[in-house]
Amino acid sequence: MSYDIESIKEKLKNRLIPEHYEHSLRTAGTAARMARAFGVDEGKAYIAGLLHDYAKSMSDEELVSQAERFGIEVNPVELAFPYLLHAKIGARLVESELCVKDKEIIASIANHTIGSVFMGKFDKIIYVADVIEPGRLYQGLDLLRRIALDDLDEVFKEAYAHSLMHLIRARKLIHPTTIEVWNRLVLKQNG
């Protein structure tokens, strides 16, 4: 299926604050480059990168309200930090408002923040592209960017570890799924 990229960009521009819109453009470009490197459909990765933060500019109240509307169960961590819901809500809104039905695109949007134990190659590309896009600036990013096109599982694991360490250093709550994903990564690494 082909998508009208200019129409999608226009809808995003009207929906997101400028900072989130620019981030989405950079994530889309990074996702397409990663997709090329790992033999995944570049166009589809570009669309997923473009749409990954579709609900990012919504207020906490709007996110909780949309979760209720879509019947999405909200756990205590998400209730304390409703911005975590933007991935799941964004996936549902992209499906309903933009009529995007591609299961990989929808899953990658839903999984780009917290992750999932069921993430495949496509999901990992969108997750990592979001973390390493050129506008991001934080310590440790150079390593991730250096290995981003070499070993997808390794860069995903490193990016996930980086995010987890950030939460620990900031003394933030950790989503139960984050712990589950991390434990699965460690178990897989250790055989």
N, C-alpha and C. Protein backbone atom coordinates (compact mmCIF):
# COMPACT_ATOMS: atom_id res chain seq x y z
N MET A 1 0.84 -1.19 0.00
CA MET A 1 0.00 0.00 0.00
C MET A 1 0.88 1.24 0.00
N SER A 2 0.52 2.22 -0.78
CA SER A 2 1.30 3.45 -0.81
C SER A 2 0.59 4.52 0.01
N TYR A 3 1.37 5.40 0.58
CA TYR A 3 0.84 6.45 1.43
C TYR A 3 1.18 7.81 0.84
N ASP A 4 0.29 8.76 1.01
CA ASP A 4 0.51 10.14 0.56
C ASP A 4 1.33 10.84 1.65
N ILE A 5 2.63 10.83 1.48
CA ILE A 5 3.54 11.35 2.50
C ILE A 5 3.29 12.83 2.76
N GLU A 6 3.06 13.61 1.73
CA GLU A 6 2.82 15.05 1.93
C GLU A 6 1.56 15.30 2.74
N SER A 7 0.54 14.51 2.49
CA SER A 7 -0.71 14.64 3.26
C SER A 7 -0.48 14.26 4.72
N ILE A 8 0.28 13.19 4.94
CA ILE A 8 0.60 12.76 6.30
C ILE A 8 1.40 13.84 7.02
N LYS A 9 2.38 14.41 6.33
CA LYS A 9 3.19 15.48 6.94
C LYS A 9 2.32 16.67 7.32
N GLU A 10 1.37 17.01 6.45
CA GLU A 10 0.48 18.15 6.74
C GLU A 10 -0.36 17.88 7.98
N LYS A 11 -0.89 16.66 8.08
CA LYS A 11 -1.69 16.29 9.26
C LYS A 11 -0.83 16.32 10.52
N LEU A 12 0.39 15.81 10.41
CA LEU A 12 1.31 15.83 11.56
C LEU A 12 1.64 17.25 11.98
N LYS A 13 1.90 18.10 11.01
CA LYS A 13 2.27 19.49 11.29
C LYS A 13 1.14 20.19 12.06
N ASN A 14 -0.10 19.86 11.73
CA ASN A 14 -1.25 20.45 12.42
C ASN A 14 -1.51 19.84 13.79
N ARG A 15 -1.01 18.64 14.00
CA ARG A 15 -1.31 17.90 15.21
C ARG A 15 -0.22 18.04 16.28
N LEU A 16 1.04 18.18 15.84
CA LEU A 16 2.18 18.18 16.76
C LEU A 16 2.73 19.58 16.96
N ILE A 17 3.34 19.80 18.12
CA ILE A 17 4.08 21.04 18.31
C ILE A 17 5.31 20.96 17.40
N PRO A 18 5.86 22.10 16.99
CA PRO A 18 6.98 22.09 16.03
C PRO A 18 8.15 21.18 16.43
N GLU A 19 8.51 21.17 17.69
CA GLU A 19 9.62 20.32 18.16
C GLU A 19 9.34 18.84 17.90
N HIS A 20 8.13 18.40 18.18
CA HIS A 20 7.76 17.00 17.95
C HIS A 20 7.68 16.68 16.45
N TYR A 21 7.19 17.63 15.67
CA TYR A 21 7.11 17.44 14.22
C TYR A 21 8.51 17.26 13.62
N GLU A 22 9.42 18.15 13.98
CA GLU A 22 10.80 18.06 13.46
C GLU A 22 11.46 16.75 13.89
N HIS A 23 11.23 16.35 15.13
CA HIS A 23 11.76 15.07 15.63
C HIS A 23 11.21 13.91 14.79
N SER A 24 9.93 13.97 14.45
CA SER A 24 9.31 12.90 13.65
C SER A 24 9.94 12.82 12.26
N LEU A 25 10.22 13.97 11.65
CA LEU A 25 10.89 13.98 10.34
C LEU A 25 12.27 13.34 10.43
N ARG A 26 13.02 13.69 11.46
CA ARG A 26 14.38 13.13 11.63
C ARG A 26 14.33 11.63 11.93
N THR A 27 13.36 11.22 12.72
CA THR A 27 13.20 9.79 13.04
C THR A 27 12.86 9.01 11.78
N ALA A 28 12.00 9.58 10.94
CA ALA A 28 11.62 8.91 9.69
C ALA A 28 12.84 8.69 8.80
N GLY A 29 13.68 9.71 8.65
CA GLY A 29 14.89 9.57 7.84
C GLY A 29 15.85 8.54 8.40
N THR A 30 16.01 8.54 9.72
CA THR A 30 16.88 7.56 10.38
C THR A 30 16.33 6.15 10.22
N ALA A 31 15.02 6.01 10.37
CA ALA A 31 14.38 4.69 10.21
C ALA A 31 14.57 4.15 8.80
N ALA A 32 14.45 5.01 7.80
CA ALA A 32 14.63 4.57 6.41
C ALA A 32 16.06 4.10 6.17
N ARG A 33 17.05 4.83 6.71
CA ARG A 33 18.46 4.41 6.55
C ARG A 33 18.71 3.08 7.24
N MET A 34 18.17 2.92 8.43
CA MET A 34 18.34 1.65 9.15
C MET A 34 17.64 0.51 8.40
N ALA A 35 16.46 0.78 7.88
CA ALA A 35 15.72 -0.25 7.14
C ALA A 35 16.53 -0.74 5.94
N ARG A 36 17.14 0.20 5.23
CA ARG A 36 17.97 -0.15 4.08
C ARG A 36 19.11 -1.08 4.53
N ALA A 37 19.73 -0.73 5.64
CA ALA A 37 20.87 -1.51 6.13
C ALA A 37 20.47 -2.93 6.56
N PHE A 38 19.23 -3.08 7.02
CA PHE A 38 18.81 -4.38 7.55
C PHE A 38 17.79 -5.10 6.67
N GLY A 39 17.67 -4.66 5.42
CA GLY A 39 16.82 -5.37 4.46
C GLY A 39 15.33 -5.29 4.74
N VAL A 40 14.90 -4.15 5.27
CA VAL A 40 13.48 -3.94 5.57
C VAL A 40 12.96 -2.86 4.62
N ASP A 41 11.69 -2.87 4.34
CA ASP A 41 11.05 -1.90 3.45
C ASP A 41 11.29 -0.47 3.95
N GLU A 42 12.08 0.29 3.19
CA GLU A 42 12.45 1.66 3.57
C GLU A 42 11.25 2.59 3.64
N GLY A 43 10.37 2.49 2.66
CA GLY A 43 9.21 3.37 2.61
C GLY A 43 8.30 3.16 3.81
N LYS A 44 8.11 1.91 4.16
CA LYS A 44 7.27 1.58 5.31
C LYS A 44 7.92 2.06 6.61
N ALA A 45 9.23 1.91 6.70
CA ALA A 45 9.96 2.37 7.89
C ALA A 45 9.88 3.90 7.99
N TYR A 46 9.95 4.58 6.84
CA TYR A 46 9.85 6.03 6.84
C TYR A 46 8.48 6.47 7.39
N ILE A 47 7.42 5.81 6.92
CA ILE A 47 6.06 6.13 7.39
C ILE A 47 5.94 5.88 8.89
N ALA A 48 6.43 4.74 9.35
CA ALA A 48 6.35 4.42 10.78
C ALA A 48 7.14 5.44 11.60
N GLY A 49 8.32 5.81 11.13
CA GLY A 49 9.11 6.83 11.83
C GLY A 49 8.40 8.16 11.85
N LEU A 50 7.77 8.50 10.76
CA LEU A 50 7.04 9.76 10.66
C LEU A 50 5.87 9.78 11.66
N LEU A 51 5.18 8.67 11.80
CA LEU A 51 3.96 8.61 12.61
C LEU A 51 4.17 8.14 14.05
N HIS A 52 5.39 7.77 14.41
CA HIS A 52 5.60 7.15 15.72
C HIS A 52 5.15 8.01 16.90
N ASP A 53 5.22 9.33 16.78
CA ASP A 53 4.82 10.23 17.88
C ASP A 53 3.51 10.96 17.58
N TYR A 54 2.62 10.31 16.88
CA TYR A 54 1.35 10.93 16.45
C TYR A 54 0.59 11.54 17.63
N ALA A 55 0.66 10.93 18.80
CA ALA A 55 -0.08 11.42 19.97
C ALA A 55 0.83 12.13 20.98
N LYS A 56 2.06 12.39 20.62
CA LYS A 56 3.06 12.94 21.55
C LYS A 56 2.69 14.31 22.11
N SER A 57 2.03 15.14 21.33
CA SER A 57 1.72 16.50 21.78
C SER A 57 0.42 16.60 22.58
N MET A 58 -0.22 15.47 22.83
CA MET A 58 -1.46 15.48 23.61
C MET A 58 -1.15 15.70 25.08
N SER A 59 -2.08 16.32 25.79
CA SER A 59 -1.90 16.53 27.23
C SER A 59 -2.10 15.21 27.97
N ASP A 60 -1.64 15.19 29.21
CA ASP A 60 -1.82 13.99 30.04
C ASP A 60 -3.30 13.63 30.15
N GLU A 61 -4.14 14.63 30.34
CA GLU A 61 -5.59 14.40 30.47
C GLU A 61 -6.16 13.79 29.19
N GLU A 62 -5.72 14.32 28.04
CA GLU A 62 -6.19 13.79 26.75
C GLU A 62 -5.76 12.34 26.57
N LEU A 63 -4.52 12.04 26.95
CA LEU A 63 -4.01 10.67 26.80
C LEU A 63 -4.81 9.69 27.66
N VAL A 64 -5.07 10.05 28.90
CA VAL A 64 -5.84 9.16 29.79
C VAL A 64 -7.27 9.01 29.26
N SER A 65 -7.85 10.10 28.79
CA SER A 65 -9.20 10.07 28.23
C SER A 65 -9.25 9.18 26.99
N GLN A 66 -8.25 9.29 26.11
CA GLN A 66 -8.19 8.46 24.90
C GLN A 66 -7.99 6.99 25.26
N ALA A 67 -7.20 6.72 26.28
CA ALA A 67 -7.00 5.33 26.72
C ALA A 67 -8.34 4.73 27.14
N GLU A 68 -9.11 5.53 27.88
CA GLU A 68 -10.43 5.06 28.31
C GLU A 68 -11.33 4.83 27.08
N ARG A 69 -11.28 5.77 26.15
CA ARG A 69 -12.09 5.66 24.92
C ARG A 69 -11.77 4.40 24.14
N PHE A 70 -10.48 4.07 24.05
CA PHE A 70 -10.06 2.89 23.28
C PHE A 70 -10.06 1.61 24.10
N GLY A 71 -10.41 1.70 25.38
CA GLY A 71 -10.41 0.50 26.23
C GLY A 71 -9.02 0.00 26.55
N ILE A 72 -8.05 0.91 26.59
CA ILE A 72 -6.67 0.54 26.92
C ILE A 72 -6.51 0.60 28.44
N GLU A 73 -6.12 -0.52 29.02
CA GLU A 73 -5.90 -0.57 30.46
C GLU A 73 -4.69 0.29 30.82
N VAL A 74 -4.85 1.13 31.82
CA VAL A 74 -3.79 2.03 32.26
C VAL A 74 -3.27 1.53 33.60
N ASN A 75 -1.97 1.19 33.64
CA ASN A 75 -1.40 0.68 34.89
C ASN A 75 -0.93 1.87 35.76
N PRO A 76 -0.57 1.61 37.01
CA PRO A 76 -0.19 2.70 37.92
C PRO A 76 0.99 3.56 37.42
N VAL A 77 1.95 2.96 36.72
CA VAL A 77 3.09 3.73 36.20
C VAL A 77 2.60 4.68 35.11
N GLU A 78 1.73 4.20 34.23
CA GLU A 78 1.18 5.05 33.17
C GLU A 78 0.28 6.14 33.74
N LEU A 79 -0.42 5.83 34.81
CA LEU A 79 -1.26 6.84 35.46
C LEU A 79 -0.39 7.93 36.08
N ALA A 80 0.76 7.55 36.63
CA ALA A 80 1.69 8.53 37.21
C ALA A 80 2.40 9.33 36.13
N PHE A 81 2.66 8.71 34.98
CA PHE A 81 3.36 9.34 33.85
C PHE A 81 2.58 9.08 32.56
N PRO A 82 1.44 9.78 32.38
CA PRO A 82 0.58 9.51 31.22
C PRO A 82 1.26 9.65 29.86
N TYR A 83 2.37 10.40 29.77
CA TYR A 83 3.05 10.52 28.46
C TYR A 83 3.46 9.15 27.93
N LEU A 84 3.62 8.17 28.82
CA LEU A 84 3.96 6.82 28.37
C LEU A 84 2.86 6.22 27.49
N LEU A 85 1.66 6.74 27.61
CA LEU A 85 0.53 6.24 26.83
C LEU A 85 0.55 6.72 25.38
N HIS A 86 1.39 7.71 25.06
CA HIS A 86 1.33 8.30 23.72
C HIS A 86 1.61 7.28 22.61
N ALA A 87 2.38 6.24 22.91
CA ALA A 87 2.69 5.23 21.90
C ALA A 87 1.44 4.39 21.57
N LYS A 88 0.81 3.86 22.61
CA LYS A 88 -0.39 3.03 22.38
C LYS A 88 -1.53 3.86 21.79
N ILE A 89 -1.72 5.07 22.32
CA ILE A 89 -2.78 5.94 21.81
C ILE A 89 -2.48 6.34 20.37
N GLY A 90 -1.24 6.70 20.11
CA GLY A 90 -0.85 7.08 18.75
C GLY A 90 -1.13 5.98 17.75
N ALA A 91 -0.82 4.74 18.12
CA ALA A 91 -1.07 3.61 17.23
C ALA A 91 -2.55 3.51 16.89
N ARG A 92 -3.40 3.64 17.91
CA ARG A 92 -4.84 3.55 17.69
C ARG A 92 -5.35 4.71 16.83
N LEU A 93 -4.83 5.92 17.08
CA LEU A 93 -5.27 7.09 16.32
C LEU A 93 -4.81 7.02 14.86
N VAL A 94 -3.60 6.54 14.65
CA VAL A 94 -3.09 6.39 13.27
C VAL A 94 -3.97 5.42 12.51
N GLU A 95 -4.38 4.37 13.19
CA GLU A 95 -5.25 3.37 12.58
C GLU A 95 -6.63 3.97 12.26
N SER A 96 -7.21 4.67 13.24
CA SER A 96 -8.59 5.17 13.06
C SER A 96 -8.65 6.47 12.24
N GLU A 97 -7.74 7.39 12.45
CA GLU A 97 -7.81 8.69 11.76
C GLU A 97 -7.15 8.68 10.39
N LEU A 98 -6.06 7.93 10.25
CA LEU A 98 -5.34 7.93 8.97
C LEU A 98 -5.58 6.65 8.16
N CYS A 99 -6.35 5.72 8.75
CA CYS A 99 -6.69 4.45 8.09
C CYS A 99 -5.45 3.64 7.71
N VAL A 100 -4.40 3.73 8.52
CA VAL A 100 -3.21 2.90 8.31
C VAL A 100 -3.50 1.54 8.96
N LYS A 101 -3.49 0.51 8.15
CA LYS A 101 -3.85 -0.83 8.63
C LYS A 101 -2.66 -1.79 8.69
N ASP A 102 -1.50 -1.36 8.23
CA ASP A 102 -0.33 -2.22 8.22
C ASP A 102 0.05 -2.60 9.65
N LYS A 103 0.01 -3.89 9.94
CA LYS A 103 0.23 -4.37 11.31
C LYS A 103 1.62 -4.04 11.84
N GLU A 104 2.64 -4.09 10.98
CA GLU A 104 4.00 -3.76 11.43
C GLU A 104 4.13 -2.29 11.79
N ILE A 105 3.54 -1.42 11.00
CA ILE A 105 3.60 0.01 11.29
C ILE A 105 2.89 0.29 12.61
N ILE A 106 1.69 -0.24 12.77
CA ILE A 106 0.90 0.00 13.98
C ILE A 106 1.63 -0.55 15.21
N ALA A 107 2.16 -1.76 15.12
CA ALA A 107 2.87 -2.36 16.26
C ALA A 107 4.12 -1.55 16.60
N SER A 108 4.84 -1.09 15.59
CA SER A 108 6.08 -0.34 15.87
C SER A 108 5.78 0.99 16.56
N ILE A 109 4.65 1.61 16.20
CA ILE A 109 4.24 2.85 16.88
C ILE A 109 3.88 2.52 18.33
N ALA A 110 3.10 1.49 18.53
CA ALA A 110 2.67 1.10 19.89
C ALA A 110 3.85 0.72 20.78
N ASN A 111 4.92 0.17 20.18
CA ASN A 111 6.05 -0.36 20.97
C ASN A 111 7.25 0.56 21.05
N HIS A 112 7.20 1.75 20.48
CA HIS A 112 8.42 2.56 20.36
C HIS A 112 8.89 3.22 21.65
N THR A 113 8.08 3.22 22.68
CA THR A 113 8.47 3.90 23.92
C THR A 113 8.88 2.91 25.00
N ILE A 114 8.00 1.98 25.32
CA ILE A 114 8.26 1.03 26.39
C ILE A 114 8.87 -0.25 25.85
N GLY A 115 8.50 -0.59 24.63
CA GLY A 115 8.97 -1.84 24.04
C GLY A 115 7.97 -2.95 24.28
N SER A 116 8.34 -4.13 23.87
CA SER A 116 7.51 -5.32 24.01
C SER A 116 8.41 -6.54 23.88
N VAL A 117 8.04 -7.61 24.53
CA VAL A 117 8.83 -8.84 24.40
C VAL A 117 8.66 -9.47 23.02
N PHE A 118 7.69 -8.99 22.26
CA PHE A 118 7.41 -9.56 20.94
C PHE A 118 7.97 -8.71 19.80
N MET A 119 8.90 -7.83 20.07
CA MET A 119 9.42 -6.92 19.04
C MET A 119 10.25 -7.67 18.00
N GLY A 120 9.93 -7.39 16.75
CA GLY A 120 10.69 -7.95 15.64
C GLY A 120 11.65 -6.90 15.08
N LYS A 121 12.23 -7.23 13.96
CA LYS A 121 13.21 -6.36 13.32
C LYS A 121 12.65 -4.96 13.05
N PHE A 122 11.43 -4.90 12.51
CA PHE A 122 10.83 -3.61 12.16
C PHE A 122 10.63 -2.75 13.41
N ASP A 123 10.07 -3.35 14.48
CA ASP A 123 9.86 -2.62 15.74
C ASP A 123 11.17 -2.07 16.29
N LYS A 124 12.20 -2.88 16.25
CA LYS A 124 13.50 -2.46 16.79
C LYS A 124 14.08 -1.29 16.00
N ILE A 125 13.88 -1.32 14.70
CA ILE A 125 14.38 -0.21 13.86
C ILE A 125 13.70 1.11 14.27
N ILE A 126 12.40 1.09 14.45
CA ILE A 126 11.68 2.32 14.83
C ILE A 126 12.09 2.75 16.23
N TYR A 127 12.22 1.82 17.14
CA TYR A 127 12.64 2.15 18.51
C TYR A 127 14.01 2.83 18.50
N VAL A 128 14.97 2.21 17.82
CA VAL A 128 16.33 2.75 17.79
C VAL A 128 16.39 4.07 17.03
N ALA A 129 15.68 4.16 15.90
CA ALA A 129 15.67 5.41 15.12
C ALA A 129 15.18 6.57 15.98
N ASP A 130 14.18 6.32 16.80
CA ASP A 130 13.66 7.35 17.71
C ASP A 130 14.73 7.80 18.70
N VAL A 131 15.52 6.86 19.17
CA VAL A 131 16.56 7.14 20.17
C VAL A 131 17.75 7.88 19.57
N ILE A 132 18.13 7.54 18.35
CA ILE A 132 19.40 8.05 17.81
C ILE A 132 19.26 9.13 16.74
N GLU A 133 18.03 9.56 16.41
CA GLU A 133 17.88 10.55 15.34
C GLU A 133 18.80 11.75 15.58
N PRO A 134 19.22 12.44 14.51
CA PRO A 134 20.26 13.47 14.60
C PRO A 134 20.01 14.62 15.57
N GLY A 135 18.76 14.87 15.93
CA GLY A 135 18.47 15.97 16.86
C GLY A 135 18.67 15.62 18.32
N ARG A 136 18.84 14.35 18.61
CA ARG A 136 19.04 13.92 20.00
C ARG A 136 20.46 14.27 20.43
N LEU A 137 20.58 14.70 21.67
CA LEU A 137 21.89 15.04 22.23
C LEU A 137 21.95 14.52 23.66
N TYR A 138 22.71 13.47 23.88
CA TYR A 138 22.97 13.00 25.23
C TYR A 138 24.19 12.10 25.22
N GLN A 139 24.74 11.93 26.41
CA GLN A 139 25.95 11.13 26.54
C GLN A 139 25.68 9.67 26.17
N GLY A 140 26.59 9.07 25.44
CA GLY A 140 26.46 7.67 25.04
C GLY A 140 25.86 7.49 23.66
N LEU A 141 25.38 8.56 23.07
CA LEU A 141 24.73 8.49 21.78
C LEU A 141 25.69 8.15 20.65
N ASP A 142 26.92 8.61 20.75
CA ASP A 142 27.91 8.34 19.69
C ASP A 142 28.10 6.85 19.47
N LEU A 143 28.19 6.08 20.54
CA LEU A 143 28.34 4.63 20.42
C LEU A 143 27.13 4.04 19.71
N LEU A 144 25.94 4.43 20.11
CA LEU A 144 24.73 3.89 19.49
C LEU A 144 24.68 4.21 18.00
N ARG A 145 25.03 5.44 17.66
CA ARG A 145 25.03 5.82 16.24
C ARG A 145 26.08 5.05 15.45
N ARG A 146 27.22 4.80 16.08
CA ARG A 146 28.31 4.07 15.40
C ARG A 146 27.91 2.65 15.05
N ILE A 147 27.15 1.99 15.94
CA ILE A 147 26.80 0.58 15.71
C ILE A 147 25.41 0.40 15.11
N ALA A 148 24.69 1.50 14.89
CA ALA A 148 23.28 1.44 14.46
C ALA A 148 23.05 0.69 13.16
N LEU A 149 24.02 0.69 12.26
CA LEU A 149 23.82 0.03 10.97
C LEU A 149 24.55 -1.30 10.86
N ASP A 150 25.13 -1.76 11.98
CA ASP A 150 25.92 -2.99 11.96
C ASP A 150 25.19 -4.21 12.51
N ASP A 151 24.61 -4.07 13.70
CA ASP A 151 24.00 -5.20 14.38
C ASP A 151 22.74 -4.70 15.09
N LEU A 152 21.58 -4.98 14.52
CA LEU A 152 20.33 -4.44 15.04
C LEU A 152 20.04 -4.92 16.46
N ASP A 153 20.24 -6.20 16.73
CA ASP A 153 19.97 -6.70 18.08
C ASP A 153 20.88 -6.04 19.11
N GLU A 154 22.13 -5.84 18.74
CA GLU A 154 23.08 -5.23 19.67
C GLU A 154 22.75 -3.76 19.92
N VAL A 155 22.44 -3.01 18.87
CA VAL A 155 22.13 -1.58 19.07
C VAL A 155 20.81 -1.44 19.82
N PHE A 156 19.85 -2.33 19.58
CA PHE A 156 18.60 -2.28 20.34
C PHE A 156 18.87 -2.52 21.82
N LYS A 157 19.65 -3.55 22.10
CA LYS A 157 19.97 -3.88 23.50
C LYS A 157 20.69 -2.71 24.18
N GLU A 158 21.64 -2.10 23.48
CA GLU A 158 22.38 -0.96 24.04
C GLU A 158 21.47 0.25 24.25
N ALA A 159 20.59 0.51 23.28
CA ALA A 159 19.67 1.64 23.40
C ALA A 159 18.69 1.40 24.56
N TYR A 160 18.24 0.16 24.69
CA TYR A 160 17.30 -0.17 25.76
C TYR A 160 17.99 -0.03 27.12
N ALA A 161 19.21 -0.51 27.21
CA ALA A 161 19.98 -0.39 28.45
C ALA A 161 20.19 1.08 28.80
N HIS A 162 20.49 1.89 27.78
CA HIS A 162 20.70 3.32 28.01
C HIS A 162 19.43 3.96 28.58
N SER A 163 18.29 3.64 28.01
CA SER A 163 17.02 4.18 28.50
C SER A 163 16.73 3.73 29.92
N LEU A 164 16.97 2.47 30.18
CA LEU A 164 16.75 1.92 31.53
C LEU A 164 17.65 2.61 32.55
N MET A 165 18.92 2.80 32.21
CA MET A 165 19.85 3.48 33.13
C MET A 165 19.43 4.93 33.36
N HIS A 166 18.91 5.57 32.33
CA HIS A 166 18.42 6.95 32.49
C HIS A 166 17.29 6.99 33.53
N LEU A 167 16.36 6.03 33.45
CA LEU A 167 15.25 5.97 34.40
C LEU A 167 15.75 5.74 35.82
N ILE A 168 16.74 4.86 35.94
CA ILE A 168 17.29 4.55 37.28
C ILE A 168 18.01 5.77 37.85
N ARG A 169 18.86 6.41 37.03
CA ARG A 169 19.59 7.60 37.51
C ARG A 169 18.64 8.74 37.89
N ALA A 170 17.54 8.87 37.15
CA ALA A 170 16.57 9.93 37.42
C ALA A 170 15.60 9.54 38.54
N ARG A 171 15.76 8.32 39.05
CA ARG A 171 14.90 7.81 40.13
C ARG A 171 13.43 7.82 39.73
N LYS A 172 13.18 7.40 38.49
CA LYS A 172 11.81 7.35 37.98
C LYS A 172 11.24 5.94 38.11
N LEU A 173 9.93 5.87 38.10
CA LEU A 173 9.27 4.57 38.09
C LEU A 173 9.62 3.85 36.80
N ILE A 174 9.68 2.54 36.87
CA ILE A 174 9.97 1.72 35.69
C ILE A 174 8.74 0.90 35.35
N HIS A 175 8.31 1.01 34.12
CA HIS A 175 7.13 0.30 33.64
C HIS A 175 7.38 -1.21 33.75
N PRO A 176 6.39 -1.99 34.18
CA PRO A 176 6.57 -3.44 34.29
C PRO A 176 7.01 -4.10 32.98
N THR A 177 6.53 -3.60 31.85
CA THR A 177 6.93 -4.16 30.56
C THR A 177 8.41 -3.92 30.30
N THR A 178 8.92 -2.78 30.73
CA THR A 178 10.35 -2.48 30.57
C THR A 178 11.20 -3.53 31.27
N ILE A 179 10.81 -3.89 32.47
CA ILE A 179 11.54 -4.92 33.22
C ILE A 179 11.45 -6.27 32.50
N GLU A 180 10.26 -6.59 32.02
CA GLU A 180 10.06 -7.84 31.30
C GLU A 180 10.92 -7.90 30.03
N VAL A 181 10.95 -6.81 29.27
CA VAL A 181 11.76 -6.76 28.05
C VAL A 181 13.24 -6.90 28.40
N TRP A 182 13.70 -6.16 29.40
CA TRP A 182 15.11 -6.23 29.79
C TRP A 182 15.49 -7.65 30.22
N ASN A 183 14.65 -8.27 31.06
CA ASN A 183 14.95 -9.63 31.51
C ASN A 183 15.02 -10.61 30.34
N ARG A 184 14.14 -10.44 29.35
CA ARG A 184 14.14 -11.29 28.17
C ARG A 184 15.43 -11.10 27.37
N LEU A 185 15.88 -9.83 27.25
CA LEU A 185 17.12 -9.55 26.53
C LEU A 185 18.31 -10.21 27.23
N VAL A 186 18.36 -10.13 28.55
CA VAL A 186 19.46 -10.71 29.32
C VAL A 186 19.43 -12.24 29.21
N LEU A 187 18.25 -12.82 29.34
CA LEU A 187 18.14 -14.28 29.24
C LEU A 187 18.56 -14.76 27.85
N LYS A 188 18.17 -14.03 26.82
CA LYS A 188 18.55 -14.40 25.45
C LYS A 188 20.07 -14.31 25.28
N GLN A 189 20.66 -13.26 25.84
CA GLN A 189 22.12 -13.07 25.75
C GLN A 189 22.87 -14.19 26.46
N ASN A 190 22.33 -14.63 27.58
CA ASN A 190 23.01 -15.65 28.39
C ASN A 190 22.60 -17.07 28.02
N GLY A 191 21.81 -17.19 26.97
CA GLY A 191 21.43 -18.51 26.48
C GLY A 191 20.42 -19.18 27.37
